[in-house]
C-alpha atoms as a PDB file:
ATOM      1  CA  MET A   1      -0.155  -0.268   0.005  1.00  0.00           C
ATOM      2  CA  ASN A   2       1.697   3.216  -1.235  1.00  0.00           C
ATOM      3  CA  THR A   3       1.818   6.178   1.086  1.00  0.00           C
ATOM      4  CA  HIS A   4      -1.069   8.109  -0.924  1.00  0.00           C
ATOM      5  CA  THR A   5      -3.439   4.947  -0.674  1.00  0.00           C
ATOM      6  CA  TYR A   6      -2.317   4.754   3.186  1.00  0.00           C
ATOM      7  CA  TYR A   7      -3.421   8.172   3.751  1.00  0.00           C
ATOM      8  CA  HIS A   8      -6.862   7.448   2.262  1.00  0.00           C
ATOM      9  CA  ALA A   9      -7.566   4.408   4.039  1.00  0.00           C
ATOM     10  CA  PHE A  10      -6.800   6.147   7.609  1.00  0.00           C
ATOM     11  CA  LEU A  11      -8.732   9.013   6.548  1.00  0.00           C
ATOM     12  CA  ASN A  12     -11.835   7.020   5.544  1.00  0.00           C
ATOM     13  CA  ARG A  13     -11.611   4.155   7.976  1.00  0.00           C
ATOM     14  CA  ASP A  14     -14.401   5.188  10.501  1.00  0.00           C
ATOM     15  CA  ARG A  15     -16.443   6.140   7.433  1.00  0.00           C
ATOM     16  CA  LEU A  16     -19.372   3.842   6.366  1.00  0.00           C
ATOM     17  CA  VAL A  17     -20.814   4.053   2.862  1.00  0.00           C
ATOM     18  CA  HIS A  18     -24.233   2.312   2.501  1.00  0.00           C
ATOM     19  CA  ILE A  19     -24.843   0.755  -0.954  1.00  0.00           C
ATOM     20  CA  VAL A  20     -28.826   0.530  -1.961  1.00  0.00           C
ATOM     21  CA  ASP A  21     -29.348  -1.465  -5.299  1.00  0.00           C
ATOM     22  CA  PRO A  22     -31.316  -4.415  -6.430  1.00  0.00           C
ATOM     23  CA  ASP A  23     -28.631  -5.999  -8.038  1.00  0.00           C
ATOM     24  CA  PRO A  24     -26.347  -7.919  -5.589  1.00  0.00           C
ATOM     25  CA  GLY A  25     -23.715  -8.161  -8.292  1.00  0.00           C
ATOM     26  CA  THR A  26     -23.495  -4.248  -8.144  1.00  0.00           C
ATOM     27  CA  CYS A  27     -23.498  -3.940  -4.025  1.00  0.00           C
ATOM     28  CA  GLU A  28     -20.753  -6.610  -4.128  1.00  0.00           C
ATOM     29  CA  ALA A  29     -18.613  -4.863  -6.891  1.00  0.00           C
ATOM     30  CA  LEU A  30     -18.863  -1.596  -5.038  1.00  0.00           C
ATOM     31  CA  SER A  31     -18.378  -2.718  -1.511  1.00  0.00           C
ATOM     32  CA  VAL A  32     -15.056  -4.184  -2.544  1.00  0.00           C
ATOM     33  CA  LEU A  33     -14.056  -1.042  -4.363  1.00  0.00           C
ATOM     34  CA  PHE A  34     -14.917   1.301  -1.147  1.00  0.00           C
ATOM     35  CA  ARG A  35     -13.161  -1.182   0.976  1.00  0.00           C
ATOM     36  CA  LEU A  36     -10.346  -0.958  -0.827  1.00  0.00           C
ATOM     37  CA  GLU A  37     -10.153   2.897  -0.223  1.00  0.00           C
ATOM     38  CA  GLY A  38     -10.428   2.152   3.508  1.00  0.00           C
ATOM     39  CA  PHE A  39     -14.131   2.872   4.189  1.00  0.00           C
ATOM     40  CA  GLN A  40     -16.590   0.450   5.945  1.00  0.00           C
ATOM     41  CA  THR A  41     -19.533  -0.319   3.700  1.00  0.00           C
ATOM     42  CA  ALA A  42     -22.832  -1.891   4.291  1.00  0.00           C
ATOM     43  CA  PHE A  43     -25.393  -2.661   1.462  1.00  0.00           C
ATOM     44  CA  SER A  44     -29.196  -3.260   0.844  1.00  0.00           C
ATOM     45  CA  LEU A  45     -30.983  -4.925  -2.238  1.00  0.00           C
ATOM     46  CA  GLU A  46     -34.190  -2.882  -1.053  1.00  0.00           C
ATOM     47  CA  PRO A  47     -35.044   0.016   0.573  1.00  0.00           C
ATOM     48  CA  ALA A  48     -36.929  -1.728   3.685  1.00  0.00           C
ATOM     49  CA  HIS A  49     -33.557  -2.610   4.780  1.00  0.00           C
ATOM     50  CA  PHE A  50     -31.740   0.324   4.415  1.00  0.00           C
ATOM     51  CA  VAL A  51     -34.235   2.198   6.431  1.00  0.00           C
ATOM     52  CA  VAL A  52     -34.131  -0.453   9.351  1.00  0.00           C
ATOM     53  CA  ALA A  53     -30.147  -0.155   8.916  1.00  0.00           C
ATOM     54  CA  MET A  54     -29.951   3.513   9.106  1.00  0.00           C
ATOM     55  CA  GLU A  55     -31.832   3.649  12.004  1.00  0.00           C
ATOM     56  CA  ARG A  56     -29.200   1.619  13.607  1.00  0.00           C
ATOM     57  CA  ARG A  57     -26.014   3.533  12.059  1.00  0.00           C
ATOM     58  CA  ARG A  58     -26.512   6.891  10.017  1.00  0.00           C
ATOM     59  CA  PRO A  59     -24.033   6.017   7.045  1.00  0.00           C
ATOM     60  CA  ASP A  60     -21.672   8.757   6.120  1.00  0.00           C
ATOM     61  CA  VAL A  61     -22.446   8.356   2.025  1.00  0.00           C
ATOM     62  CA  VAL A  62     -25.309   6.980   0.376  1.00  0.00           C
ATOM     63  CA  VAL A  63     -24.886   5.299  -3.218  1.00  0.00           C
ATOM     64  CA  ALA A  64     -28.284   4.170  -4.564  1.00  0.00           C
ATOM     65  CA  ASN A  65     -30.099   3.098  -7.606  1.00  0.00           C
ATOM     66  CA  LEU A  66     -32.546   5.279  -8.996  1.00  0.00           C
ATOM     67  CA  ASP A  67     -34.389   2.122  -9.856  1.00  0.00           C
ATOM     68  CA  GLN A  68     -35.082   0.172  -6.830  1.00  0.00           C
ATOM     69  CA  GLY A  69     -37.581  -2.544  -8.614  1.00  0.00           C
ATOM     70  CA  GLN A  70     -41.036  -1.369  -7.763  1.00  0.00           C
ATOM     71  CA  GLU A  71     -40.195   1.681  -6.019  1.00  0.00           C
ATOM     72  CA  SER A  72     -38.158   4.688  -6.843  1.00  0.00           C
ATOM     73  CA  GLY A  73     -34.802   5.215  -5.524  1.00  0.00           C
ATOM     74  CA  LEU A  74     -35.793   8.819  -5.261  1.00  0.00           C
ATOM     75  CA  ALA A  75     -37.566   8.069  -1.902  1.00  0.00           C
ATOM     76  CA  ILE A  76     -34.092   6.991  -0.268  1.00  0.00           C
ATOM     77  CA  LEU A  77     -33.002  10.105  -1.311  1.00  0.00           C
ATOM     78  CA  ARG A  78     -35.890  12.157   0.347  1.00  0.00           C
ATOM     79  CA  ARG A  79     -35.491   9.989   3.344  1.00  0.00           C
ATOM     80  CA  VAL A  80     -32.031  10.850   3.846  1.00  0.00           C
ATOM     81  CA  LYS A  81     -32.378  14.519   2.860  1.00  0.00           C
ATOM     82  CA  ALA A  82     -35.158  14.793   5.378  1.00  0.00           C
ATOM     83  CA  LEU A  83     -32.434  13.817   8.523  1.00  0.00           C
ATOM     84  CA  ARG A  84     -30.637  17.325   7.495  1.00  0.00           C
ATOM     85  CA  VAL A  85     -27.585  16.020   8.649  1.00  0.00           C
ATOM     86  CA  GLY A  86     -25.877  16.622   4.800  1.00  0.00           C
ATOM     87  CA  THR A  87     -25.336  13.099   4.275  1.00  0.00           C
ATOM     88  CA  PRO A  88     -24.166  13.132   0.261  1.00  0.00           C
ATOM     89  CA  VAL A  89     -26.091  10.718  -2.041  1.00  0.00           C
ATOM     90  CA  VAL A  90     -24.773   9.522  -5.221  1.00  0.00           C
ATOM     91  CA  MET A  91     -27.564   8.236  -7.325  1.00  0.00           C
ATOM     92  CA  LEU A  92     -26.699   5.297 -10.048  1.00  0.00           C
ATOM     93  CA  ALA A  93     -28.900   5.085 -13.179  1.00  0.00           C
ATOM     94  CA  ASN A  94     -29.127   1.795 -14.997  1.00  0.00           C
ATOM     95  CA  MET A  95     -29.386   4.015 -18.123  1.00  0.00           C
ATOM     96  CA  PRO A  96     -28.830   7.729 -18.928  1.00  0.00           C
ATOM     97  CA  GLU A  97     -32.312   9.128 -17.400  1.00  0.00           C
ATOM     98  CA  VAL A  98     -32.401  13.088 -17.886  1.00  0.00           C
ATOM     99  CA  THR A  99     -35.660  13.556 -16.209  1.00  0.00           C
ATOM    100  CA  ALA A 100     -35.143  11.299 -13.127  1.00  0.00           C
ATOM    101  CA  ALA A 101     -31.521  12.814 -13.089  1.00  0.00           C
ATOM    102  CA  VAL A 102     -32.990  16.658 -12.593  1.00  0.00           C
ATOM    103  CA  THR A 103     -35.400  15.679 -10.113  1.00  0.00           C
ATOM    104  CA  ALA A 104     -32.880  14.067  -8.312  1.00  0.00           C
ATOM    105  CA  MET A 105     -30.364  16.880  -8.512  1.00  0.00           C
ATOM    106  CA  LYS A 106     -33.037  18.988  -7.304  1.00  0.00           C
ATOM    107  CA  LEU A 107     -34.023  17.062  -4.194  1.00  0.00           C
ATOM    108  CA  GLY A 108     -30.076  17.261  -3.391  1.00  0.00           C
ATOM    109  CA  ALA A 109     -28.634  14.391  -4.713  1.00  0.00           C
ATOM    110  CA  THR A 110     -24.532  15.215  -4.816  1.00  0.00           C
ATOM    111  CA  ASP A 111     -24.414  13.446  -8.601  1.00  0.00           C
ATOM    112  CA  VAL A 112     -26.005  11.078 -10.949  1.00  0.00           C
ATOM    113  CA  LEU A 113     -23.816   8.520 -12.572  1.00  0.00           C
ATOM    114  CA  ALA A 114     -24.762   6.222 -15.420  1.00  0.00           C
ATOM    115  CA  LYS A 115     -24.100   2.524 -15.416  1.00  0.00           C
ATOM    116  CA  PRO A 116     -21.509   1.058 -16.339  1.00  0.00           C
ATOM    117  CA  ILE A 117     -20.241   3.040 -13.497  1.00  0.00           C
ATOM    118  CA  ASN A 118     -16.774   4.626 -13.859  1.00  0.00           C
ATOM    119  CA  SER A 119     -15.244   3.495 -10.487  1.00  0.00           C
ATOM    120  CA  GLU A 120     -12.693   6.171 -10.532  1.00  0.00           C
ATOM    121  CA  LEU A 121     -15.143   8.948 -11.495  1.00  0.00           C
ATOM    122  CA  LEU A 122     -17.315   7.480  -8.480  1.00  0.00           C
ATOM    123  CA  LEU A 123     -14.746   7.494  -5.738  1.00  0.00           C
ATOM    124  CA  THR A 124     -13.543  11.048  -6.894  1.00  0.00           C
ATOM    125  CA  VAL A 125     -17.436  12.444  -6.441  1.00  0.00           C
ATOM    126  CA  VAL A 126     -17.459  10.786  -3.131  1.00  0.00           C
ATOM    127  CA  ARG A 127     -14.255  12.213  -1.865  1.00  0.00           C
ATOM    128  CA  ASP A 128     -14.849  15.459  -3.459  1.00  0.00           C
ATOM    129  CA  ALA A 129     -18.494  15.551  -1.261  1.00  0.00           C
ATOM    130  CA  LEU A 130     -16.919  14.067   1.901  1.00  0.00           C
ATOM    131  CA  ARG A 131     -14.150  16.849   1.745  1.00  0.00           C
ATOM    132  CA  LYS A 132     -16.754  19.430   0.715  1.00  0.00           C
ATOM    133  CA  ASP A 133     -18.975  18.400   4.050  1.00  0.00           C
ATOM    134  CA  VAL A 134     -15.860  19.517   6.176  1.00  0.00           C
ATOM    135  CA  HIS A 135     -15.440  23.291   3.699  1.00  0.00           C
ATOM    136  CA  LEU A 136     -18.923  23.807   3.075  1.00  0.00           C
ATOM    137  CA  GLY A 137     -19.084  27.286   4.538  1.00  0.00           C
ATOM    138  CA  ALA A 138     -15.591  28.150   2.622  1.00  0.00           C
ATOM    139  CA  MET A 139     -16.718  26.414  -0.323  1.00  0.00           C
ATOM    140  CA  GLN A 140     -20.289  28.132  -0.808  1.00  0.00           C
ATOM    141  CA  ALA A 141     -18.466  31.241  -0.121  1.00  0.00           C
ATOM    142  CA  GLY A 142     -15.631  30.847  -2.585  1.00  0.00           C
ATOM    143  CA  THR A 143     -17.597  29.222  -5.808  1.00  0.00           C
ATOM    144  CA  ARG A 144     -20.424  31.716  -6.623  1.00  0.00           C
ATOM    145  CA  PRO A 145     -18.611  34.234  -9.012  1.00  0.00           C
ATOM    146  CA  VAL A 146     -16.911  31.744 -11.222  1.00  0.00           C
ATOM    147  CA  GLU A 147     -20.038  29.917 -12.340  1.00  0.00           C
ATOM    148  CA  VAL A 148     -21.914  33.692 -12.591  1.00  0.00           C
ATOM    149  CA  ARG A 149     -19.309  34.282 -14.782  1.00  0.00           C
ATOM    150  CA  GLY A 150     -19.578  31.538 -16.913  1.00  0.00           C
ATOM    151  CA  PHE A 151     -23.203  32.223 -17.224  1.00  0.00           C
ATOM    152  CA  ALA A 152     -22.617  35.810 -18.324  1.00  0.00           C
ATOM    153  CA  GLN A 153     -20.381  34.195 -21.267  1.00  0.00           C
ATOM    154  CA  LEU A 154     -23.589  32.231 -22.900  1.00  0.00           C
ATOM    155  CA  THR A 155     -25.252  33.502 -25.997  1.00  0.00           C
ATOM    156  CA  PRO A 156     -28.955  33.834 -25.595  1.00  0.00           C
ATOM    157  CA  ARG A 157     -29.777  30.702 -27.558  1.00  0.00           C
ATOM    158  CA  GLU A 158     -27.096  28.891 -25.265  1.00  0.00           C
ATOM    159  CA  ARG A 159     -29.033  29.886 -22.467  1.00  0.00           C
ATOM    160  CA  GLU A 160     -32.477  28.788 -24.150  1.00  0.00           C
ATOM    161  CA  VAL A 161     -30.694  24.970 -24.625  1.00  0.00           C
ATOM    162  CA  LEU A 162     -29.474  25.464 -21.076  1.00  0.00           C
ATOM    163  CA  GLN A 163     -33.326  26.114 -20.106  1.00  0.00           C
ATOM    164  CA  LEU A 164     -34.439  23.169 -21.793  1.00  0.00           C
ATOM    165  CA  ILE A 165     -31.725  20.700 -20.976  1.00  0.00           C
ATOM    166  CA  THR A 166     -32.589  21.497 -17.401  1.00  0.00           C
ATOM    167  CA  ASN A 167     -35.948  21.051 -17.649  1.00  0.00           C
ATOM    168  CA  GLY A 168     -35.472  17.340 -18.389  1.00  0.00           C
ATOM    169  CA  GLN A 169     -35.981  17.577 -22.428  1.00  0.00           C
ATOM    170  CA  SER A 170     -33.848  15.784 -24.620  1.00  0.00           C
ATOM    171  CA  ASN A 171     -32.093  16.999 -27.554  1.00  0.00           C
ATOM    172  CA  LYS A 172     -34.949  16.038 -29.881  1.00  0.00           C
ATOM    173  CA  GLU A 173     -37.423  17.451 -27.732  1.00  0.00           C
ATOM    174  CA  ALA A 174     -35.183  20.822 -27.222  1.00  0.00           C
ATOM    175  CA  GLY A 175     -34.707  20.908 -31.030  1.00  0.00           C
ATOM    176  CA  ARG A 176     -38.672  20.568 -32.124  1.00  0.00           C
ATOM    177  CA  GLU A 177     -38.922  23.236 -29.428  1.00  0.00           C
ATOM    178  CA  LEU A 178     -36.585  25.646 -30.692  1.00  0.00           C
ATOM    179  CA  GLY A 179     -36.754  24.990 -34.432  1.00  0.00           C
ATOM    180  CA  ILE A 180     -33.256  22.949 -34.639  1.00  0.00           C
ATOM    181  CA  SER A 181     -31.844  20.019 -35.366  1.00  0.00           C
ATOM    182  CA  PRO A 182     -30.973  17.490 -32.243  1.00  0.00           C
ATOM    183  CA  ARG A 183     -27.082  17.818 -33.807  1.00  0.00           C
ATOM    184  CA  THR A 184     -27.403  21.721 -33.261  1.00  0.00           C
ATOM    185  CA  ILE A 185     -28.853  21.132 -29.762  1.00  0.00           C
ATOM    186  CA  GLU A 186     -25.867  18.782 -29.180  1.00  0.00           C
ATOM    187  CA  VAL A 187     -23.011  21.304 -30.342  1.00  0.00           C
ATOM    188  CA  HIS A 188     -24.808  24.155 -27.959  1.00  0.00           C
ATOM    189  CA  ARG A 189     -24.955  21.940 -25.159  1.00  0.00           C
ATOM    190  CA  ALA A 190     -21.156  21.226 -25.182  1.00  0.00           C
ATOM    191  CA  ARG A 191     -20.540  24.821 -25.705  1.00  0.00           C
ATOM    192  CA  VAL A 192     -22.685  25.582 -22.619  1.00  0.00           C
ATOM    193  CA  MET A 193     -20.862  22.814 -20.560  1.00  0.00           C
ATOM    194  CA  GLU A 194     -17.493  23.897 -21.495  1.00  0.00           C
ATOM    195  CA  LYS A 195     -18.358  27.548 -20.457  1.00  0.00           C
ATOM    196  CA  LEU A 196     -19.812  26.540 -17.194  1.00  0.00           C
ATOM    197  CA  GLY A 197     -16.762  23.920 -16.865  1.00  0.00           C
ATOM    198  CA  ALA A 198     -19.581  20.968 -16.300  1.00  0.00           C
ATOM    199  CA  ARG A 199     -18.105  17.429 -16.710  1.00  0.00           C
ATOM    200  CA  ASN A 200     -21.507  16.003 -17.662  1.00  0.00           C
ATOM    201  CA  THR A 201     -25.065  16.566 -17.215  1.00  0.00           C
ATOM    202  CA  ALA A 202     -25.727  15.953 -13.628  1.00  0.00           C
ATOM    203  CA  ASP A 203     -22.523  18.465 -13.041  1.00  0.00           C
ATOM    204  CA  LEU A 204     -24.453  21.263 -15.489  1.00  0.00           C
ATOM    205  CA  LEU A 205     -27.633  20.608 -13.241  1.00  0.00           C
ATOM    206  CA  ARG A 206     -25.670  20.959 -10.178  1.00  0.00           C
ATOM    207  CA  ILE A 207     -24.203  24.307 -11.233  1.00  0.00           C
ATOM    208  CA  VAL A 208     -27.420  25.642 -12.174  1.00  0.00           C
ATOM    209  CA  LEU A 209     -29.071  24.751  -9.548  1.00  0.00           C
ATOM    210  CA  THR A 210     -26.886  26.167  -6.768  1.00  0.00           C
ATOM    211  CA  SER A 211     -26.042  29.742  -8.651  1.00  0.00           C
END
């Protein structure tokens, strides 16, 4: 174990990541991933089990699938956020699902990642969320002007495209509304993301919702 990994393991050792996903394979793979980083892990295959487990020990991070079989993972997100303790919740999506992602971000999800899961990205999101937890006040004071400056660079058309994307419309729907092709929407969207410094749609939504 190199010094870097050891440092993370030391930092994370009292932190519990709780994974909620109906797929046992996902739960096991993610448990291994987080344990290698030094986290403690628990997982639930259904929301009811998670609720009971959460009453016994509150997790430091929750990683939950948006699709919980018959139920929506948004109920898990709402329950964790209702505790008002700032626990980061990262949502997983079995397929890119813009509308659900928009709702999840508005309800306070840290991020929404589509499967197949990029494990390095997931770890980065979790680490950043835990770090923000510590520096929340300073972070909020320091991030606003940058985001607003990004908005100021958008053209009127880019603003329209941004508005439609954050309303959960697909490229096709947005294109129909603005009378341009989905391909053109894609180009505008890429420019908007570049100007606002967003890596993906979830990132874009977070920037929009926090500014």
